[in-house]
Amino acid sequence: MALIMVLDDERDACRLMLRILSRLGHRVQVFCRADEARRWLETAQPDLALLDIKLKEENGLSVLKFLRAHRPAVKVIMITGYPSAETSQEALRLGVDDYLIKPVEIEDLESRVDKVLEKRSVPG
């Protein structure tokens, strides 16, 4: 299965995603702070990153930019409770693989994660 990184400043959201994704057989690393996630990414190579856009200390798009610069092969799903045309366009410009709006249904999260992870083995 896959190694998945979750970044969300809401601990309950992190716990829920950890439980859901672990149940599917994935290895999951959760972070509530962007600086901790970036530090981990310096040595880790996850298959997928789930990034909340609105974080307490900074914007999740900054972590997406870091990923694109240092780990371009990592698939990314952006998650937000505060959707806006500006952030969705910026995320798409930076090459996100999917974009979810909170609250996310469990079945929707599972199917989107599966779909994005399937892309990693498809050439082109």
PDB file of N, CA and C in Angstrom:
ATOM      1  N   MET A   1       0.838  -1.186   0.000  1.00  0.00           N
ATOM      2  CA  MET A   1       0.000   0.000   0.000  1.00  0.00           C
ATOM      3  C   MET A   1       0.883   1.250   0.000  1.00  0.00           C
ATOM      4  N   ALA A   2       0.268   2.391   0.175  1.00  0.00           N
ATOM      5  CA  ALA A   2       0.970   3.662   0.001  1.00  0.00           C
ATOM      6  C   ALA A   2       1.372   4.298   1.330  1.00  0.00           C
ATOM      7  N   LEU A   3       2.366   5.178   1.242  1.00  0.00           N
ATOM      8  CA  LEU A   3       2.729   6.044   2.359  1.00  0.00           C
ATOM      9  C   LEU A   3       2.045   7.384   2.106  1.00  0.00           C
ATOM     10  N   ILE A   4       1.186   7.783   3.041  1.00  0.00           N
ATOM     11  CA  ILE A   4       0.391   8.997   2.876  1.00  0.00           C
ATOM     12  C   ILE A   4       0.700   9.979   3.997  1.00  0.00           C
ATOM     13  N   MET A   5       0.954  11.223   3.625  1.00  0.00           N
ATOM     14  CA  MET A   5       1.150  12.300   4.593  1.00  0.00           C
ATOM     15  C   MET A   5      -0.133  13.119   4.686  1.00  0.00           C
ATOM     16  N   VAL A   6      -0.542  13.432   5.918  1.00  0.00           N
ATOM     17  CA  VAL A   6      -1.717  14.271   6.152  1.00  0.00           C
ATOM     18  C   VAL A   6      -1.266  15.517   6.898  1.00  0.00           C
ATOM     19  N   LEU A   7      -1.639  16.682   6.399  1.00  0.00           N
ATOM     20  CA  LEU A   7      -1.358  17.949   7.079  1.00  0.00           C
ATOM     21  C   LEU A   7      -2.671  18.689   7.278  1.00  0.00           C
ATOM     22  N   ASP A   8      -3.065  18.827   8.542  1.00  0.00           N
ATOM     23  CA  ASP A   8      -4.289  19.556   8.895  1.00  0.00           C
ATOM     24  C   ASP A   8      -4.094  20.077  10.310  1.00  0.00           C
ATOM     25  N   ASP A   9      -4.383  21.353  10.543  1.00  0.00           N
ATOM     26  CA  ASP A   9      -4.182  21.908  11.881  1.00  0.00           C
ATOM     27  C   ASP A   9      -5.276  21.498  12.869  1.00  0.00           C
ATOM     28  N   GLU A  10      -6.294  20.810  12.399  1.00  0.00           N
ATOM     29  CA  GLU A  10      -7.336  20.290  13.286  1.00  0.00           C
ATOM     30  C   GLU A  10      -6.983  18.853  13.661  1.00  0.00           C
ATOM     31  N   ARG A  11      -6.645  18.642  14.936  1.00  0.00           N
ATOM     32  CA  ARG A  11      -6.222  17.311  15.394  1.00  0.00           C
ATOM     33  C   ARG A  11      -7.287  16.241  15.139  1.00  0.00           C
ATOM     34  N   ASP A  12      -8.553  16.593  15.332  1.00  0.00           N
ATOM     35  CA  ASP A  12      -9.617  15.616  15.093  1.00  0.00           C
ATOM     36  C   ASP A  12      -9.646  15.176  13.635  1.00  0.00           C
ATOM     37  N   ALA A  13      -9.434  16.102  12.724  1.00  0.00           N
ATOM     38  CA  ALA A  13      -9.396  15.761  11.296  1.00  0.00           C
ATOM     39  C   ALA A  13      -8.216  14.833  11.009  1.00  0.00           C
ATOM     40  N   CYS A  14      -7.069  15.111  11.631  1.00  0.00           N
ATOM     41  CA  CYS A  14      -5.895  14.246  11.455  1.00  0.00           C
ATOM     42  C   CYS A  14      -6.184  12.832  11.956  1.00  0.00           C
ATOM     43  N   ARG A  15      -6.779  12.744  13.148  1.00  0.00           N
ATOM     44  CA  ARG A  15      -7.091  11.427  13.716  1.00  0.00           C
ATOM     45  C   ARG A  15      -8.056  10.651  12.824  1.00  0.00           C
ATOM     46  N   LEU A  16      -9.070  11.346  12.325  1.00  0.00           N
ATOM     47  CA  LEU A  16     -10.059  10.691  11.474  1.00  0.00           C
ATOM     48  C   LEU A  16      -9.418  10.182  10.185  1.00  0.00           C
ATOM     49  N   MET A  17      -8.617  11.021   9.536  1.00  0.00           N
ATOM     50  CA  MET A  17      -7.968  10.593   8.296  1.00  0.00           C
ATOM     51  C   MET A  17      -6.979   9.460   8.556  1.00  0.00           C
ATOM     52  N   LEU A  18      -6.281   9.513   9.685  1.00  0.00           N
ATOM     53  CA  LEU A  18      -5.367   8.434  10.062  1.00  0.00           C
ATOM     54  C   LEU A  18      -6.136   7.122  10.178  1.00  0.00           C
ATOM     55  N   ARG A  19      -7.269   7.158  10.869  1.00  0.00           N
ATOM     56  CA  ARG A  19      -8.077   5.955  11.069  1.00  0.00           C
ATOM     57  C   ARG A  19      -8.608   5.414   9.726  1.00  0.00           C
ATOM     58  N   ILE A  20      -9.153   6.295   8.908  1.00  0.00           N
ATOM     59  CA  ILE A  20      -9.735   5.881   7.621  1.00  0.00           C
ATOM     60  C   ILE A  20      -8.670   5.290   6.700  1.00  0.00           C
ATOM     61  N   LEU A  21      -7.563   6.007   6.548  1.00  0.00           N
ATOM     62  CA  LEU A  21      -6.526   5.580   5.606  1.00  0.00           C
ATOM     63  C   LEU A  21      -5.767   4.354   6.099  1.00  0.00           C
ATOM     64  N   SER A  22      -5.564   4.249   7.406  1.00  0.00           N
ATOM     65  CA  SER A  22      -4.907   3.063   7.974  1.00  0.00           C
ATOM     66  C   SER A  22      -5.772   1.827   7.769  1.00  0.00           C
ATOM     67  N   ARG A  23      -7.079   1.999   7.933  1.00  0.00           N
ATOM     68  CA  ARG A  23      -8.013   0.887   7.745  1.00  0.00           C
ATOM     69  C   ARG A  23      -7.940   0.350   6.313  1.00  0.00           C
ATOM     70  N   LEU A  24      -7.603   1.222   5.369  1.00  0.00           N
ATOM     71  CA  LEU A  24      -7.459   0.805   3.969  1.00  0.00           C
ATOM     72  C   LEU A  24      -6.108   0.142   3.697  1.00  0.00           C
ATOM     73  N   GLY A  25      -5.258   0.077   4.714  1.00  0.00           N
ATOM     74  CA  GLY A  25      -3.972  -0.586   4.572  1.00  0.00           C
ATOM     75  C   GLY A  25      -2.800   0.332   4.284  1.00  0.00           C
ATOM     76  N   HIS A  26      -3.032   1.637   4.284  1.00  0.00           N
ATOM     77  CA  HIS A  26      -1.956   2.585   4.005  1.00  0.00           C
ATOM     78  C   HIS A  26      -1.157   2.895   5.269  1.00  0.00           C
ATOM     79  N   ARG A  27       0.093   3.267   5.069  1.00  0.00           N
ATOM     80  CA  ARG A  27       0.901   3.822   6.159  1.00  0.00           C
ATOM     81  C   ARG A  27       0.650   5.324   6.134  1.00  0.00           C
ATOM     82  N   VAL A  28       0.378   5.894   7.302  1.00  0.00           N
ATOM     83  CA  VAL A  28      -0.032   7.295   7.363  1.00  0.00           C
ATOM     84  C   VAL A  28       0.820   8.046   8.375  1.00  0.00           C
ATOM     85  N   GLN A  29       1.295   9.215   7.968  1.00  0.00           N
ATOM     86  CA  GLN A  29       2.030  10.118   8.855  1.00  0.00           C
ATOM     87  C   GLN A  29       1.240  11.413   8.921  1.00  0.00           C
ATOM     88  N   VAL A  30       0.833  11.827  10.135  1.00  0.00           N
ATOM     89  CA  VAL A  30       0.019  13.038  10.265  1.00  0.00           C
ATOM     90  C   VAL A  30       0.813  14.172  10.906  1.00  0.00           C
ATOM     91  N   PHE A  31       0.487  15.381  10.472  1.00  0.00           N
ATOM     92  CA  PHE A  31       1.111  16.592  10.999  1.00  0.00           C
ATOM     93  C   PHE A  31       0.043  17.653  11.192  1.00  0.00           C
ATOM     94  N   CYS A  32       0.198  18.434  12.266  1.00  0.00           N
ATOM     95  CA  CYS A  32      -0.700  19.563  12.515  1.00  0.00           C
ATOM     96  C   CYS A  32      -0.012  20.885  12.210  1.00  0.00           C
ATOM     97  N   ARG A  33       1.282  20.834  11.916  1.00  0.00           N
ATOM     98  CA  ARG A  33       2.051  22.051  11.617  1.00  0.00           C
ATOM     99  C   ARG A  33       2.828  21.871  10.313  1.00  0.00           C
ATOM    100  N   ALA A  34       2.815  22.913   9.504  1.00  0.00           N
ATOM    101  CA  ALA A  34       3.487  22.870   8.206  1.00  0.00           C
ATOM    102  C   ALA A  34       4.997  22.704   8.343  1.00  0.00           C
ATOM    103  N   ASP A  35       5.608  23.354   9.327  1.00  0.00           N
ATOM    104  CA  ASP A  35       7.063  23.245   9.474  1.00  0.00           C
ATOM    105  C   ASP A  35       7.479  21.814   9.806  1.00  0.00           C
ATOM    106  N   GLU A  36       6.675  21.106  10.606  1.00  0.00           N
ATOM    107  CA  GLU A  36       6.978  19.709  10.924  1.00  0.00           C
ATOM    108  C   GLU A  36       6.840  18.832   9.681  1.00  0.00           C
ATOM    109  N   ALA A  37       5.820  19.106   8.878  1.00  0.00           N
ATOM    110  CA  ALA A  37       5.618  18.342   7.641  1.00  0.00           C
ATOM    111  C   ALA A  37       6.788  18.550   6.680  1.00  0.00           C
ATOM    112  N   ARG A  38       7.220  19.795   6.520  1.00  0.00           N
ATOM    113  CA  ARG A  38       8.353  20.085   5.624  1.00  0.00           C
ATOM    114  C   ARG A  38       9.630  19.404   6.115  1.00  0.00           C
ATOM    115  N   ARG A  39       9.854  19.426   7.422  1.00  0.00           N
ATOM    116  CA  ARG A  39      11.045  18.783   7.987  1.00  0.00           C
ATOM    117  C   ARG A  39      11.024  17.278   7.664  1.00  0.00           C
ATOM    118  N   TRP A  40       9.868  16.647   7.827  1.00  0.00           N
ATOM    119  CA  TRP A  40       9.726  15.226   7.521  1.00  0.00           C
ATOM    120  C   TRP A  40       9.961  14.968   6.035  1.00  0.00           C
ATOM    121  N   LEU A  41       9.450  15.856   5.197  1.00  0.00           N
ATOM    122  CA  LEU A  41       9.576  15.698   3.746  1.00  0.00           C
ATOM    123  C   LEU A  41      11.012  15.835   3.245  1.00  0.00           C
ATOM    124  N   GLU A  42      11.888  16.390   4.054  1.00  0.00           N
ATOM    125  CA  GLU A  42      13.293  16.499   3.648  1.00  0.00           C
ATOM    126  C   GLU A  42      13.923  15.126   3.453  1.00  0.00           C
ATOM    127  N   THR A  43      13.419  14.121   4.188  1.00  0.00           N
ATOM    128  CA  THR A  43      13.989  12.775   4.081  1.00  0.00           C
ATOM    129  C   THR A  43      12.985  11.722   3.634  1.00  0.00           C
ATOM    130  N   ALA A  44      11.706  12.028   3.682  1.00  0.00           N
ATOM    131  CA  ALA A  44      10.672  11.048   3.335  1.00  0.00           C
ATOM    132  C   ALA A  44      10.157  11.275   1.918  1.00  0.00           C
ATOM    133  N   GLN A  45       9.660  10.208   1.324  1.00  0.00           N
ATOM    134  CA  GLN A  45       9.094  10.278  -0.022  1.00  0.00           C
ATOM    135  C   GLN A  45       7.708   9.623   0.006  1.00  0.00           C
ATOM    136  N   PRO A  46       6.691  10.367   0.439  1.00  0.00           N
ATOM    137  CA  PRO A  46       5.348   9.772   0.449  1.00  0.00           C
ATOM    138  C   PRO A  46       4.816   9.604  -0.972  1.00  0.00           C
ATOM    139  N   ASP A  47       3.842   8.734  -1.094  1.00  0.00           N
ATOM    140  CA  ASP A  47       3.177   8.550  -2.381  1.00  0.00           C
ATOM    141  C   ASP A  47       2.110   9.615  -2.595  1.00  0.00           C
ATOM    142  N   LEU A  48       1.516  10.064  -1.482  1.00  0.00           N
ATOM    143  CA  LEU A  48       0.406  11.004  -1.541  1.00  0.00           C
ATOM    144  C   LEU A  48       0.457  11.930  -0.335  1.00  0.00           C
ATOM    145  N   ALA A  49       0.120  13.199  -0.556  1.00  0.00           N
ATOM    146  CA  ALA A  49      -0.010  14.169   0.535  1.00  0.00           C
ATOM    147  C   ALA A  49      -1.422  14.741   0.502  1.00  0.00           C
ATOM    148  N   LEU A  50      -2.077  14.728   1.655  1.00  0.00           N
ATOM    149  CA  LEU A  50      -3.374  15.383   1.829  1.00  0.00           C
ATOM    150  C   LEU A  50      -3.099  16.660   2.599  1.00  0.00           C
ATOM    151  N   LEU A  51      -3.314  17.806   1.973  1.00  0.00           N
ATOM    152  CA  LEU A  51      -2.946  19.089   2.566  1.00  0.00           C
ATOM    153  C   LEU A  51      -4.164  19.975   2.768  1.00  0.00           C
ATOM    154  N   ASP A  52      -4.364  20.417   4.010  1.00  0.00           N
ATOM    155  CA  ASP A  52      -5.405  21.406   4.284  1.00  0.00           C
ATOM    156  C   ASP A  52      -4.872  22.753   3.806  1.00  0.00           C
ATOM    157  N   ILE A  53      -5.717  23.543   3.186  1.00  0.00           N
ATOM    158  CA  ILE A  53      -5.258  24.840   2.681  1.00  0.00           C
ATOM    159  C   ILE A  53      -5.096  25.848   3.805  1.00  0.00           C
ATOM    160  N   LYS A  54      -6.092  25.949   4.672  1.00  0.00           N
ATOM    161  CA  LYS A  54      -6.047  26.974   5.720  1.00  0.00           C
ATOM    162  C   LYS A  54      -5.471  26.379   7.003  1.00  0.00           C
ATOM    163  N   LEU A  55      -4.268  26.794   7.319  1.00  0.00           N
ATOM    164  CA  LEU A  55      -3.585  26.361   8.536  1.00  0.00           C
ATOM    165  C   LEU A  55      -3.429  27.559   9.457  1.00  0.00           C
ATOM    166  N   LYS A  56      -3.192  27.286  10.736  1.00  0.00           N
ATOM    167  CA  LYS A  56      -3.056  28.389  11.698  1.00  0.00           C
ATOM    168  C   LYS A  56      -1.873  29.289  11.383  1.00  0.00           C
ATOM    169  N   GLU A  57      -0.717  28.671  11.164  1.00  0.00           N
ATOM    170  CA  GLU A  57       0.493  29.482  11.032  1.00  0.00           C
ATOM    171  C   GLU A  57       0.814  29.888   9.599  1.00  0.00           C
ATOM    172  N   GLU A  58       0.268  29.185   8.628  1.00  0.00           N
ATOM    173  CA  GLU A  58       0.537  29.530   7.236  1.00  0.00           C
ATOM    174  C   GLU A  58      -0.466  28.851   6.325  1.00  0.00           C
ATOM    175  N   ASN A  59      -0.269  29.012   5.045  1.00  0.00           N
ATOM    176  CA  ASN A  59      -1.172  28.481   4.043  1.00  0.00           C
ATOM    177  C   ASN A  59      -0.651  27.135   3.542  1.00  0.00           C
ATOM    178  N   GLY A  60      -1.533  26.153   3.399  1.00  0.00           N
ATOM    179  CA  GLY A  60      -1.133  24.843   2.897  1.00  0.00           C
ATOM    180  C   GLY A  60      -0.558  24.884   1.492  1.00  0.00           C
ATOM    181  N   LEU A  61      -0.857  25.956   0.755  1.00  0.00           N
ATOM    182  CA  LEU A  61      -0.283  26.090  -0.585  1.00  0.00           C
ATOM    183  C   LEU A  61       1.238  26.237  -0.525  1.00  0.00           C
ATOM    184  N   SER A  62       1.761  26.768   0.580  1.00  0.00           N
ATOM    185  CA  SER A  62       3.221  26.883   0.714  1.00  0.00           C
ATOM    186  C   SER A  62       3.861  25.498   0.808  1.00  0.00           C
ATOM    187  N   VAL A  63       3.173  24.558   1.452  1.00  0.00           N
ATOM    188  CA  VAL A  63       3.681  23.187   1.519  1.00  0.00           C
ATOM    189  C   VAL A  63       3.568  22.531   0.144  1.00  0.00           C
ATOM    190  N   LEU A  64       2.511  22.833  -0.583  1.00  0.00           N
ATOM    191  CA  LEU A  64       2.373  22.333  -1.951  1.00  0.00           C
ATOM    192  C   LEU A  64       3.530  22.836  -2.817  1.00  0.00           C
ATOM    193  N   LYS A  65       3.891  24.105  -2.685  1.00  0.00           N
ATOM    194  CA  LYS A  65       5.024  24.655  -3.443  1.00  0.00           C
ATOM    195  C   LYS A  65       6.320  23.940  -3.071  1.00  0.00           C
ATOM    196  N   PHE A  66       6.504  23.676  -1.769  1.00  0.00           N
ATOM    197  CA  PHE A  66       7.681  22.942  -1.301  1.00  0.00           C
ATOM    198  C   PHE A  66       7.714  21.549  -1.934  1.00  0.00           C
ATOM    199  N   LEU A  67       6.571  20.869  -1.925  1.00  0.00           N
ATOM    200  CA  LEU A  67       6.494  19.537  -2.529  1.00  0.00           C
ATOM    201  C   LEU A  67       6.848  19.574  -4.008  1.00  0.00           C
ATOM    202  N   ARG A  68       6.316  20.520  -4.730  1.00  0.00           N
ATOM    203  CA  ARG A  68       6.574  20.598  -6.165  1.00  0.00           C
ATOM    204  C   ARG A  68       8.053  20.870  -6.443  1.00  0.00           C
ATOM    205  N   ALA A  69       8.703  21.620  -5.562  1.00  0.00           N
ATOM    206  CA  ALA A  69      10.126  21.928  -5.748  1.00  0.00           C
ATOM    207  C   ALA A  69      11.034  20.767  -5.336  1.00  0.00           C
ATOM    208  N   HIS A  70      10.663  20.044  -4.267  1.00  0.00           N
ATOM    209  CA  HIS A  70      11.559  19.034  -3.694  1.00  0.00           C
ATOM    210  C   HIS A  70      11.095  17.593  -3.877  1.00  0.00           C
ATOM    211  N   ARG A  71       9.820  17.384  -4.053  1.00  0.00           N
ATOM    212  CA  ARG A  71       9.259  16.042  -4.210  1.00  0.00           C
ATOM    213  C   ARG A  71       8.182  16.064  -5.302  1.00  0.00           C
ATOM    214  N   PRO A  72       8.568  16.360  -6.544  1.00  0.00           N
ATOM    215  CA  PRO A  72       7.576  16.556  -7.608  1.00  0.00           C
ATOM    216  C   PRO A  72       6.736  15.322  -7.934  1.00  0.00           C
ATOM    217  N   ALA A  73       7.206  14.130  -7.600  1.00  0.00           N
ATOM    218  CA  ALA A  73       6.449  12.915  -7.926  1.00  0.00           C
ATOM    219  C   ALA A  73       5.298  12.645  -6.958  1.00  0.00           C
ATOM    220  N   VAL A  74       5.288  13.332  -5.824  1.00  0.00           N
ATOM    221  CA  VAL A  74       4.242  13.096  -4.819  1.00  0.00           C
ATOM    222  C   VAL A  74       2.897  13.595  -5.343  1.00  0.00           C
ATOM    223  N   LYS A  75       1.898  12.731  -5.268  1.00  0.00           N
ATOM    224  CA  LYS A  75       0.531  13.113  -5.619  1.00  0.00           C
ATOM    225  C   LYS A  75      -0.031  13.952  -4.476  1.00  0.00           C
ATOM    226  N   VAL A  76      -0.896  14.920  -4.798  1.00  0.00           N
ATOM    227  CA  VAL A  76      -1.411  15.831  -3.772  1.00  0.00           C
ATOM    228  C   VAL A  76      -2.918  16.013  -3.920  1.00  0.00           C
ATOM    229  N   ILE A  77      -3.600  15.902  -2.776  1.00  0.00           N
ATOM    230  CA  ILE A  77      -5.014  16.260  -2.684  1.00  0.00           C
ATOM    231  C   ILE A  77      -5.106  17.420  -1.707  1.00  0.00           C
ATOM    232  N   MET A  78      -5.631  18.537  -2.165  1.00  0.00           N
ATOM    233  CA  MET A  78      -5.854  19.693  -1.289  1.00  0.00           C
ATOM    234  C   MET A  78      -7.243  19.557  -0.673  1.00  0.00           C
ATOM    235  N   ILE A  79      -7.347  19.951   0.604  1.00  0.00           N
ATOM    236  CA  ILE A  79      -8.615  19.891   1.325  1.00  0.00           C
ATOM    237  C   ILE A  79      -8.850  21.251   1.962  1.00  0.00           C
ATOM    238  N   THR A  80     -10.081  21.746   1.867  1.00  0.00           N
ATOM    239  CA  THR A  80     -10.362  23.036   2.489  1.00  0.00           C
ATOM    240  C   THR A  80     -11.797  23.119   2.978  1.00  0.00           C
ATOM    241  N   GLY A  81     -11.964  23.837   4.052  1.00  0.00           N
ATOM    242  CA  GLY A  81     -13.290  24.173   4.546  1.00  0.00           C
ATOM    243  C   GLY A  81     -13.688  25.562   4.104  1.00  0.00           C
ATOM    244  N   TYR A  82     -12.763  26.252   3.435  1.00  0.00           N
ATOM    245  CA  TYR A  82     -12.976  27.634   2.989  1.00  0.00           C
ATOM    246  C   TYR A  82     -12.631  27.756   1.509  1.00  0.00           C
ATOM    247  N   PRO A  83     -13.449  27.161   0.645  1.00  0.00           N
ATOM    248  CA  PRO A  83     -13.118  27.188  -0.783  1.00  0.00           C
ATOM    249  C   PRO A  83     -13.234  28.586  -1.382  1.00  0.00           C
ATOM    250  N   SER A  84     -12.303  28.887  -2.265  1.00  0.00           N
ATOM    251  CA  SER A  84     -12.379  30.144  -3.008  1.00  0.00           C
ATOM    252  C   SER A  84     -11.820  29.895  -4.399  1.00  0.00           C
ATOM    253  N   ALA A  85     -12.265  30.692  -5.337  1.00  0.00           N
ATOM    254  CA  ALA A  85     -11.773  30.555  -6.710  1.00  0.00           C
ATOM    255  C   ALA A  85     -10.266  30.786  -6.758  1.00  0.00           C
ATOM    256  N   GLU A  86      -9.785  31.742  -5.966  1.00  0.00           N
ATOM    257  CA  GLU A  86      -8.359  32.080  -5.969  1.00  0.00           C
ATOM    258  C   GLU A  86      -7.500  30.902  -5.513  1.00  0.00           C
ATOM    259  N   THR A  87      -7.859  30.285  -4.373  1.00  0.00           N
ATOM    260  CA  THR A  87      -7.039  29.177  -3.873  1.00  0.00           C
ATOM    261  C   THR A  87      -7.163  27.943  -4.756  1.00  0.00           C
ATOM    262  N   SER A  88      -8.344  27.683  -5.289  1.00  0.00           N
ATOM    263  CA  SER A  88      -8.476  26.508  -6.158  1.00  0.00           C
ATOM    264  C   SER A  88      -7.678  26.699  -7.450  1.00  0.00           C
ATOM    265  N   GLN A  89      -7.682  27.895  -8.010  1.00  0.00           N
ATOM    266  CA  GLN A  89      -6.900  28.160  -9.219  1.00  0.00           C
ATOM    267  C   GLN A  89      -5.402  28.050  -8.946  1.00  0.00           C
ATOM    268  N   GLU A  90      -4.969  28.567  -7.796  1.00  0.00           N
ATOM    269  CA  GLU A  90      -3.548  28.469  -7.433  1.00  0.00           C
ATOM    270  C   GLU A  90      -3.146  27.012  -7.247  1.00  0.00           C
ATOM    271  N   ALA A  91      -3.987  26.233  -6.572  1.00  0.00           N
ATOM    272  CA  ALA A  91      -3.703  24.813  -6.362  1.00  0.00           C
ATOM    273  C   ALA A  91      -3.618  24.080  -7.703  1.00  0.00           C
ATOM    274  N   LEU A  92      -4.543  24.355  -8.589  1.00  0.00           N
ATOM    275  CA  LEU A  92      -4.523  23.717  -9.909  1.00  0.00           C
ATOM    276  C   LEU A  92      -3.293  24.136 -10.708  1.00  0.00           C
ATOM    277  N   ARG A  93      -2.912  25.397 -10.613  1.00  0.00           N
ATOM    278  CA  ARG A  93      -1.715  25.888 -11.302  1.00  0.00           C
ATOM    279  C   ARG A  93      -0.466  25.159 -10.805  1.00  0.00           C
ATOM    280  N   LEU A  94      -0.469  24.824  -9.510  1.00  0.00           N
ATOM    281  CA  LEU A  94       0.669  24.128  -8.913  1.00  0.00           C
ATOM    282  C   LEU A  94       0.597  22.612  -9.111  1.00  0.00           C
ATOM    283  N   GLY A  95      -0.440  22.146  -9.790  1.00  0.00           N
ATOM    284  CA  GLY A  95      -0.500  20.740 -10.180  1.00  0.00           C
ATOM    285  C   GLY A  95      -1.088  19.779  -9.172  1.00  0.00           C
ATOM    286  N   VAL A  96      -2.088  20.204  -8.399  1.00  0.00           N
ATOM    287  CA  VAL A  96      -2.716  19.247  -7.482  1.00  0.00           C
ATOM    288  C   VAL A  96      -3.453  18.185  -8.288  1.00  0.00           C
ATOM    289  N   ASP A  97      -3.606  17.029  -7.677  1.00  0.00           N
ATOM    290  CA  ASP A  97      -4.282  15.921  -8.339  1.00  0.00           C
ATOM    291  C   ASP A  97      -5.772  15.892  -8.042  1.00  0.00           C
ATOM    292  N   ASP A  98      -6.170  16.494  -6.926  1.00  0.00           N
ATOM    293  CA  ASP A  98      -7.586  16.574  -6.579  1.00  0.00           C
ATOM    294  C   ASP A  98      -7.772  17.675  -5.547  1.00  0.00           C
ATOM    295  N   TYR A  99      -9.025  18.069  -5.355  1.00  0.00           N
ATOM    296  CA  TYR A  99      -9.358  19.201  -4.488  1.00  0.00           C
ATOM    297  C   TYR A  99     -10.676  18.848  -3.807  1.00  0.00           C
ATOM    298  N   LEU A 100     -10.658  18.723  -2.479  1.00  0.00           N
ATOM    299  CA  LEU A 100     -11.854  18.343  -1.723  1.00  0.00           C
ATOM    300  C   LEU A 100     -12.307  19.479  -0.827  1.00  0.00           C
ATOM    301  N   ILE A 101     -13.616  19.581  -0.657  1.00  0.00           N
ATOM    302  CA  ILE A 101     -14.189  20.601   0.218  1.00  0.00           C
ATOM    303  C   ILE A 101     -14.763  19.928   1.454  1.00  0.00           C
ATOM    304  N   LYS A 102     -14.377  20.436   2.630  1.00  0.00           N
ATOM    305  CA  LYS A 102     -14.895  19.920   3.898  1.00  0.00           C
ATOM    306  C   LYS A 102     -16.338  20.360   4.083  1.00  0.00           C
ATOM    307  N   PRO A 103     -17.136  19.586   4.759  1.00  0.00           N
ATOM    308  CA  PRO A 103     -16.814  18.268   5.315  1.00  0.00           C
ATOM    309  C   PRO A 103     -16.760  17.215   4.204  1.00  0.00           C
ATOM    310  N   VAL A 104     -15.803  16.322   4.330  1.00  0.00           N
ATOM    311  CA  VAL A 104     -15.594  15.276   3.330  1.00  0.00           C
ATOM    312  C   VAL A 104     -16.237  13.985   3.831  1.00  0.00           C
ATOM    313  N   GLU A 105     -17.048  13.380   3.000  1.00  0.00           N
ATOM    314  CA  GLU A 105     -17.647  12.086   3.336  1.00  0.00           C
ATOM    315  C   GLU A 105     -16.555  11.013   3.291  1.00  0.00           C
ATOM    316  N   ILE A 106     -16.628  10.051   4.208  1.00  0.00           N
ATOM    317  CA  ILE A 106     -15.618   8.996   4.292  1.00  0.00           C
ATOM    318  C   ILE A 106     -15.479   8.262   2.958  1.00  0.00           C
ATOM    319  N   GLU A 107     -16.605   7.886   2.369  1.00  0.00           N
ATOM    320  CA  GLU A 107     -16.567   7.143   1.104  1.00  0.00           C
ATOM    321  C   GLU A 107     -15.928   7.978  -0.007  1.00  0.00           C
ATOM    322  N   ASP A 108     -16.191   9.275   0.004  1.00  0.00           N
ATOM    323  CA  ASP A 108     -15.612  10.163  -1.004  1.00  0.00           C
ATOM    324  C   ASP A 108     -14.099  10.254  -0.827  1.00  0.00           C
ATOM    325  N   LEU A 109     -13.647  10.399   0.418  1.00  0.00           N
ATOM    326  CA  LEU A 109     -12.210  10.447   0.694  1.00  0.00           C
ATOM    327  C   LEU A 109     -11.546   9.159   0.222  1.00  0.00           C
ATOM    328  N   GLU A 110     -12.132   8.028   0.586  1.00  0.00           N
ATOM    329  CA  GLU A 110     -11.558   6.738   0.192  1.00  0.00           C
ATOM    330  C   GLU A 110     -11.458   6.602  -1.327  1.00  0.00           C
ATOM    331  N   SER A 111     -12.526   6.955  -2.031  1.00  0.00           N
ATOM    332  CA  SER A 111     -12.505   6.789  -3.492  1.00  0.00           C
ATOM    333  C   SER A 111     -11.546   7.768  -4.163  1.00  0.00           C
ATOM    334  N   ARG A 112     -11.469   8.994  -3.660  1.00  0.00           N
ATOM    335  CA  ARG A 112     -10.547   9.975  -4.252  1.00  0.00           C
ATOM    336  C   ARG A 112      -9.099   9.565  -4.024  1.00  0.00           C
ATOM    337  N   VAL A 113      -8.792   9.082  -2.818  1.00  0.00           N
ATOM    338  CA  VAL A 113      -7.431   8.620  -2.522  1.00  0.00           C
ATOM    339  C   VAL A 113      -7.078   7.457  -3.446  1.00  0.00           C
ATOM    340  N   ASP A 114      -7.985   6.486  -3.561  1.00  0.00           N
ATOM    341  CA  ASP A 114      -7.730   5.345  -4.453  1.00  0.00           C
ATOM    342  C   ASP A 114      -7.485   5.804  -5.886  1.00  0.00           C
ATOM    343  N   LYS A 115      -8.305   6.724  -6.358  1.00  0.00           N
ATOM    344  CA  LYS A 115      -8.193   7.206  -7.741  1.00  0.00           C
ATOM    345  C   LYS A 115      -6.853   7.904  -7.981  1.00  0.00           C
ATOM    346  N   VAL A 116      -6.455   8.763  -7.055  1.00  0.00           N
ATOM    347  CA  VAL A 116      -5.184   9.482  -7.211  1.00  0.00           C
ATOM    348  C   VAL A 116      -4.006   8.516  -7.131  1.00  0.00           C
ATOM    349  N   LEU A 117      -4.069   7.550  -6.218  1.00  0.00           N
ATOM    350  CA  LEU A 117      -2.970   6.593  -6.099  1.00  0.00           C
ATOM    351  C   LEU A 117      -2.866   5.692  -7.325  1.00  0.00           C
ATOM    352  N   GLU A 118      -3.967   5.411  -7.978  1.00  0.00           N
ATOM    353  CA  GLU A 118      -3.924   4.612  -9.210  1.00  0.00           C
ATOM    354  C   GLU A 118      -3.116   5.320 -10.288  1.00  0.00           C
ATOM    355  N   LYS A 119      -3.147   6.653 -10.300  1.00  0.00           N
ATOM    356  CA  LYS A 119      -2.425   7.441 -11.310  1.00  0.00           C
ATOM    357  C   LYS A 119      -0.915   7.266 -11.218  1.00  0.00           C
ATOM    358  N   ARG A 120      -0.403   6.959 -10.018  1.00  0.00           N
ATOM    359  CA  ARG A 120       1.058   6.917  -9.865  1.00  0.00           C
ATOM    360  C   ARG A 120       1.694   5.791 -10.653  1.00  0.00           C
ATOM    361  N   SER A 121       0.913   4.743 -10.957  1.00  0.00           N
ATOM    362  CA  SER A 121       1.491   3.637 -11.718  1.00  0.00           C
ATOM    363  C   SER A 121       1.122   3.676 -13.199  1.00  0.00           C
ATOM    364  N   VAL A 122       0.360   4.685 -13.582  1.00  0.00           N
ATOM    365  CA  VAL A 122      -0.033   4.820 -14.986  1.00  0.00           C
ATOM    366  C   VAL A 122       0.946   5.760 -15.682  1.00  0.00           C
ATOM    367  N   PRO A 123       1.655   5.292 -16.704  1.00  0.00           N
ATOM    368  CA  PRO A 123       2.602   6.171 -17.396  1.00  0.00           C
ATOM    369  C   PRO A 123       1.892   7.325 -18.092  1.00  0.00           C
ATOM    370  N   GLY A 124       2.616   8.460 -18.145  1.00  0.00           N
ATOM    371  CA  GLY A 124       2.113   9.605 -18.878  1.00  0.00           C
ATOM    372  C   GLY A 124       1.306  10.460 -18.014  1.00  0.00           C
TER     373      GLY A 124
END
